Amino acid sequence: MSTKVEESIQVDVPVSTAYNQWTQFEDFPHFMGGVKEVHQHDDQRLHWTAEIAGVRREWEATILEQVPDQKIAWAATEGATNAGAVRFVSTGPTSTTVYLTLEYEPEGLVEQAGDKLGIVGRQAKADLKRFKELIESEGYESGAWRGTVNAGAGVGTPGVEAAAASRGDSGKAGMSPTAKIAGAAAAVAGVAAAGAAVAASKSGETEERDVRESQPVTIAEEVTVVEQPPPDTVRTDVLVDESGTAGYSTTPSTEGVETGTQRPDDDPMIGGGSR
């Protein structure tokens, strides 16, 4: 499926100046961010090398129609499939509106992803802005070609059907490291998304079980309480020395002696003297 991009910009120079600068195809890398090189074979044939969104593409193009101060239309004949036209409309003695229409066919997962993000459209808009800055800052064109190509042919604005001989370069131009990294990231993201989908499909089945397993478990244990015998009773003997002062000492009890506090007059072993 093809994508069409349409952008325009007003530049504050006469229409002839804007048009003349645009005919300097080999100067395109000066203002077209994605264009790496343009080689002009002759008045009609051009070889393009571009890199947009990390994808490097090449193609051969032919100029289908060219009319000074009005229009340049082209279509690819080999490599990346694209076609379009640029028109120049005078809006005053020192003002021109430039209209750019481009139609292309994205190839591969990385390029299709970039297409959905509108990267080429944003690139075209930025290129026109740089063209405006370039021509207005200089105030004159770097060159000119005033010839015509198929003037009056009425090709209109060529679309991808005009580039039928071009069937995409299928990566013949190679892929930059940026594109390789982007492709790997896309693959990883795809695997992660697939894993998430599988997990989501199972979540309904396991939700109740997970809730149960997440609750703390109380284990009731039967505890047998065994009565322990009381410890040996400790008997407190009260001793009274000759001065009549009572002192206390502890000694293990003997069998048959009751526990408790013993009074001196209750203990048969106490007779008012030392033991």
Protein backbone atom coordinates (compact mmCIF):
# COMPACT_ATOMS: atom_id res chain seq x y z
CA MET A 1 0.00 0.00 0.00
CA SER A 2 1.35 3.41 -0.97
CA THR A 3 1.49 6.55 1.14
CA LYS A 4 1.04 10.09 -0.13
CA VAL A 5 2.68 13.11 1.47
CA GLU A 6 1.64 16.69 0.66
CA GLU A 7 3.43 19.71 2.08
CA SER A 8 3.82 23.37 1.12
CA ILE A 9 5.73 26.43 2.23
CA GLN A 10 5.99 30.11 1.31
CA VAL A 11 9.45 31.46 0.57
CA ASP A 12 10.26 35.14 0.32
CA VAL A 13 12.05 35.13 -3.03
CA PRO A 14 10.83 35.54 -6.62
CA VAL A 15 9.41 32.42 -8.26
CA SER A 16 12.31 32.20 -10.72
CA THR A 17 14.83 32.15 -7.84
CA ALA A 18 12.98 29.37 -6.02
CA TYR A 19 12.60 27.33 -9.20
CA ASN A 20 16.22 27.79 -10.32
CA GLN A 21 17.51 26.57 -6.96
CA TRP A 22 15.31 23.49 -7.12
CA THR A 23 16.80 22.49 -10.48
CA GLN A 24 20.19 22.07 -8.77
CA PHE A 25 19.47 18.46 -7.87
CA GLU A 26 23.00 17.64 -6.74
CA ASP A 27 22.66 20.39 -4.09
CA PHE A 28 19.66 18.64 -2.50
CA PRO A 29 21.70 17.17 0.41
CA HIS A 30 22.24 20.79 1.58
CA PHE A 31 18.59 21.07 2.63
CA MET A 32 17.07 17.59 2.35
CA GLY A 33 17.89 15.86 5.60
CA GLY A 34 17.26 12.33 4.34
CA VAL A 35 19.11 12.71 1.03
CA LYS A 36 22.74 11.58 1.09
CA GLU A 37 23.57 12.01 -2.60
CA VAL A 38 22.00 12.89 -5.92
CA HIS A 39 23.91 12.21 -9.12
CA GLN A 40 22.52 13.68 -12.33
CA HIS A 41 23.24 11.50 -15.37
CA ASP A 42 21.68 13.91 -17.87
CA ASP A 43 18.76 16.33 -18.19
CA GLN A 44 16.22 13.65 -17.30
CA ARG A 45 17.90 10.86 -15.34
CA LEU A 46 18.95 11.03 -11.69
CA HIS A 47 20.40 8.55 -9.20
CA TRP A 48 19.29 9.06 -5.59
CA THR A 49 20.69 7.75 -2.31
CA ALA A 50 18.69 8.53 0.82
CA GLU A 51 18.45 7.43 4.42
CA ILE A 52 15.28 8.08 6.37
CA ALA A 53 14.44 6.60 9.78
CA GLY A 54 17.67 4.61 9.64
CA VAL A 55 16.74 2.87 6.36
CA ARG A 56 19.07 3.42 3.41
CA ARG A 57 17.41 3.40 -0.03
CA GLU A 58 18.55 4.00 -3.61
CA TRP A 59 16.68 4.53 -6.83
CA GLU A 60 16.93 5.75 -10.40
CA ALA A 61 14.43 8.45 -11.37
CA THR A 62 13.42 10.10 -14.57
CA ILE A 63 11.93 13.56 -14.99
CA LEU A 64 8.57 13.14 -16.70
CA GLU A 65 7.77 16.82 -17.11
CA GLN A 66 9.60 20.04 -16.35
CA VAL A 67 8.38 23.58 -17.05
CA PRO A 68 10.45 26.59 -15.89
CA ASP A 69 8.97 28.49 -12.92
CA GLN A 70 6.03 26.07 -12.76
CA LYS A 71 6.65 22.38 -12.26
CA ILE A 72 9.00 19.43 -12.01
CA ALA A 73 7.45 15.91 -12.03
CA TRP A 74 9.33 12.63 -11.65
CA ALA A 75 8.96 8.87 -11.15
CA ALA A 76 11.38 6.15 -10.14
CA THR A 77 12.39 3.67 -12.82
CA GLU A 78 14.51 1.37 -10.65
CA GLY A 79 14.91 0.77 -6.92
CA ALA A 80 12.74 2.32 -4.23
CA THR A 81 9.24 2.96 -5.55
CA ASN A 82 8.24 6.64 -5.49
CA ALA A 83 6.93 9.44 -7.66
CA GLY A 84 5.68 12.97 -7.31
CA ALA A 85 5.89 16.60 -8.32
CA VAL A 86 6.92 20.01 -7.02
CA ARG A 87 5.05 23.12 -8.16
CA PHE A 88 5.96 26.79 -7.88
CA VAL A 89 3.27 29.47 -7.67
CA SER A 90 4.14 33.16 -7.59
CA THR A 91 2.31 34.96 -4.78
CA GLY A 92 3.98 38.35 -5.35
CA PRO A 93 7.11 39.94 -6.82
CA THR A 94 9.24 38.50 -4.01
CA SER A 95 7.11 35.63 -2.74
CA THR A 96 6.58 32.07 -3.92
CA THR A 97 4.60 29.12 -2.59
CA VAL A 98 6.24 25.74 -3.12
CA TYR A 99 3.93 22.69 -3.20
CA LEU A 100 5.46 19.24 -2.80
CA THR A 101 3.54 16.00 -3.44
CA LEU A 102 5.23 12.64 -2.92
CA GLU A 103 3.85 9.11 -3.11
CA TYR A 104 5.91 6.08 -2.14
CA GLU A 105 5.67 2.44 -1.09
CA PRO A 106 7.29 1.53 2.26
CA GLU A 107 9.19 -1.76 2.37
CA GLY A 108 9.96 -4.04 5.29
CA LEU A 109 8.81 -3.97 8.89
CA VAL A 110 11.07 -1.14 9.98
CA GLU A 111 10.06 1.15 7.13
CA GLN A 112 6.36 0.31 7.52
CA ALA A 113 6.59 1.11 11.22
CA GLY A 114 8.20 4.45 10.36
CA ASP A 115 5.46 5.08 7.83
CA LYS A 116 2.78 4.66 10.49
CA LEU A 117 4.58 7.21 12.64
CA GLY A 118 4.56 9.70 9.75
CA ILE A 119 8.33 10.00 9.66
CA VAL A 120 8.54 10.68 5.91
CA GLY A 121 5.87 13.38 6.16
CA ARG A 122 7.73 15.12 8.96
CA GLN A 123 10.96 14.80 6.99
CA ALA A 124 9.39 16.44 3.93
CA LYS A 125 8.07 19.31 6.04
CA ALA A 126 11.48 19.83 7.62
CA ASP A 127 13.17 19.73 4.19
CA LEU A 128 10.93 22.50 2.85
CA LYS A 129 11.69 24.60 5.91
CA ARG A 130 15.43 24.17 5.33
CA PHE A 131 14.97 25.04 1.65
CA LYS A 132 13.27 28.27 2.72
CA GLU A 133 16.10 29.11 5.14
CA LEU A 134 18.72 28.34 2.52
CA ILE A 135 17.27 30.38 -0.34
CA GLU A 136 16.21 33.32 1.84
CA SER A 137 19.55 33.55 3.64
CA GLU A 138 21.50 33.47 0.38
CA GLY A 139 19.08 35.70 -1.50
CA TYR A 140 20.01 34.09 -4.80
CA GLU A 141 20.17 30.64 -6.39
CA SER A 142 23.37 28.61 -6.61
CA GLY A 143 22.62 27.73 -10.24
CA ALA A 144 19.86 27.34 -12.78
CA TRP A 145 18.66 25.13 -15.61
CA ARG A 146 15.99 26.72 -17.76
CA GLY A 147 15.39 23.88 -20.16
CA THR A 148 12.11 22.00 -20.54
CA VAL A 149 11.22 18.32 -20.47
CA ASN A 150 8.04 17.09 -22.13
CA ALA A 151 6.44 20.49 -21.63
CA GLY A 152 2.68 20.23 -21.97
CA ALA A 153 2.71 16.45 -21.57
CA GLY A 154 0.07 16.83 -18.91
CA VAL A 155 1.39 14.12 -16.60
CA GLY A 156 -0.26 15.85 -13.67
CA THR A 157 1.08 14.64 -10.33
CA PRO A 158 2.61 11.20 -10.89
CA GLY A 159 1.79 8.51 -8.36
CA VAL A 160 3.36 5.10 -7.76
CA GLU A 161 1.58 3.75 -10.83
CA ALA A 162 3.92 5.95 -12.87
CA ALA A 163 6.80 4.12 -11.21
CA ALA A 164 5.65 0.69 -12.34
CA ALA A 165 9.15 -0.15 -13.55
CA SER A 166 10.40 0.41 -10.00
CA ARG A 167 9.61 -2.49 -7.71
CA GLY A 168 11.57 -1.44 -4.63
CA ASP A 169 15.20 -2.08 -3.90
CA SER A 170 14.42 -4.83 -1.36
CA GLY A 171 17.39 -3.83 0.75
CA LYS A 172 19.85 -3.83 -2.17
CA ALA A 173 21.22 -0.57 -0.84
CA GLY A 174 21.98 -2.24 2.45
CA MET A 175 20.76 -1.31 5.90
CA SER A 176 22.46 1.05 8.30
CA PRO A 177 23.36 -0.01 11.87
CA THR A 178 20.53 2.20 13.12
CA ALA A 179 18.01 0.23 11.08
CA LYS A 180 19.47 -3.09 12.26
CA ILE A 181 19.13 -2.01 15.89
CA ALA A 182 15.59 -0.77 15.24
CA GLY A 183 14.74 -4.08 13.58
CA ALA A 184 16.12 -6.07 16.50
CA ALA A 185 14.21 -3.88 18.95
CA ALA A 186 11.03 -4.41 16.95
CA ALA A 187 11.58 -8.18 17.02
CA VAL A 188 12.15 -8.16 20.78
CA ALA A 189 9.05 -6.01 21.25
CA GLY A 190 7.07 -8.46 19.12
CA VAL A 191 8.17 -11.42 21.22
CA ALA A 192 7.38 -9.54 24.42
CA ALA A 193 3.94 -8.62 23.09
CA ALA A 194 3.25 -12.25 22.15
CA GLY A 195 4.28 -13.38 25.62
CA ALA A 196 2.03 -10.77 27.21
CA ALA A 197 -0.89 -11.95 25.08
CA VAL A 198 -0.42 -15.57 26.16
CA ALA A 199 -0.15 -14.52 29.80
CA ALA A 200 -3.29 -12.43 29.50
CA SER A 201 -5.22 -15.34 28.00
CA LYS A 202 -4.35 -17.51 30.99
CA SER A 203 -4.91 -14.90 33.66
CA GLY A 204 -8.63 -15.59 33.88
CA GLU A 205 -8.03 -19.25 34.59
CA THR A 206 -5.45 -18.72 37.29
CA GLU A 207 -6.72 -15.57 38.98
CA GLU A 208 -8.81 -17.35 41.59
CA ARG A 209 -6.06 -19.86 42.31
CA ASP A 210 -3.49 -17.10 42.64
CA VAL A 211 -5.67 -15.24 45.10
CA ARG A 212 -6.05 -18.33 47.22
CA GLU A 213 -2.36 -19.07 47.14
CA SER A 214 -1.53 -15.53 48.11
CA GLN A 215 -3.52 -15.73 51.36
CA PRO A 216 -1.68 -16.68 54.60
CA VAL A 217 -2.32 -20.26 55.69
CA THR A 218 -3.06 -21.07 59.36
CA ILE A 219 -2.23 -24.62 60.39
CA ALA A 220 -4.02 -25.88 63.48
CA GLU A 221 -1.87 -28.23 65.47
CA GLU A 222 -3.08 -30.47 68.31
CA VAL A 223 -1.04 -29.66 71.35
CA THR A 224 -0.90 -32.15 74.20
CA VAL A 225 -0.23 -30.54 77.53
CA VAL A 226 1.57 -32.80 79.96
CA GLU A 227 1.45 -31.87 83.64
CA GLN A 228 4.91 -31.64 85.03
CA PRO A 229 5.46 -32.62 88.66
CA PRO A 230 6.06 -29.70 90.98
CA PRO A 231 9.70 -28.92 91.61
CA ASP A 232 11.28 -30.04 94.83
CA THR A 233 9.78 -28.00 97.56
CA VAL A 234 12.23 -25.66 99.06
CA ARG A 235 11.87 -25.33 102.80
CA THR A 236 12.78 -22.25 104.63
CA ASP A 237 14.20 -22.97 108.05
CA VAL A 238 14.30 -20.19 110.52
CA LEU A 239 17.30 -20.29 112.76
CA VAL A 240 17.60 -18.34 115.89
CA ASP A 241 21.02 -17.75 117.30
CA GLU A 242 21.87 -17.24 120.96
CA SER A 243 21.33 -13.52 120.74
CA GLY A 244 17.76 -14.13 119.67
CA THR A 245 18.25 -12.83 116.10
CA ALA A 246 16.42 -14.86 113.56
CA GLY A 247 18.24 -15.75 110.29
CA TYR A 248 16.95 -17.54 107.21
CA SER A 249 18.63 -20.27 105.17
CA THR A 250 17.31 -22.49 102.44
CA THR A 251 17.82 -26.22 102.36
CA PRO A 252 16.26 -28.94 100.23
CA SER A 253 13.14 -30.32 101.78
CA THR A 254 12.92 -33.77 103.15
CA GLU A 255 10.16 -36.22 102.53
CA GLY A 256 7.12 -35.64 104.62
CA VAL A 257 7.76 -32.01 105.30
CA GLU A 258 4.97 -29.76 104.15
CA THR A 259 5.71 -26.71 102.09
CA GLY A 260 4.99 -23.28 103.26
CA THR A 261 6.33 -20.72 105.64
CA GLN A 262 7.38 -22.25 108.87
CA ARG A 263 7.12 -20.47 112.15
CA PRO A 264 9.89 -21.06 114.72
CA ASP A 265 7.56 -22.51 117.33
CA ASP A 266 6.10 -24.97 114.79
CA ASP A 267 9.42 -26.54 113.88
CA PRO A 268 10.37 -29.38 116.25
CA MET A 269 14.01 -28.87 115.30
CA ILE A 270 14.11 -25.40 116.75
CA GLY A 271 14.60 -25.31 120.51
CA GLY A 272 15.82 -21.86 121.13
CA GLY A 273 19.50 -22.64 120.46
CA SER A 274 21.78 -23.43 117.59
CA ARG A 275 21.29 -26.56 115.58
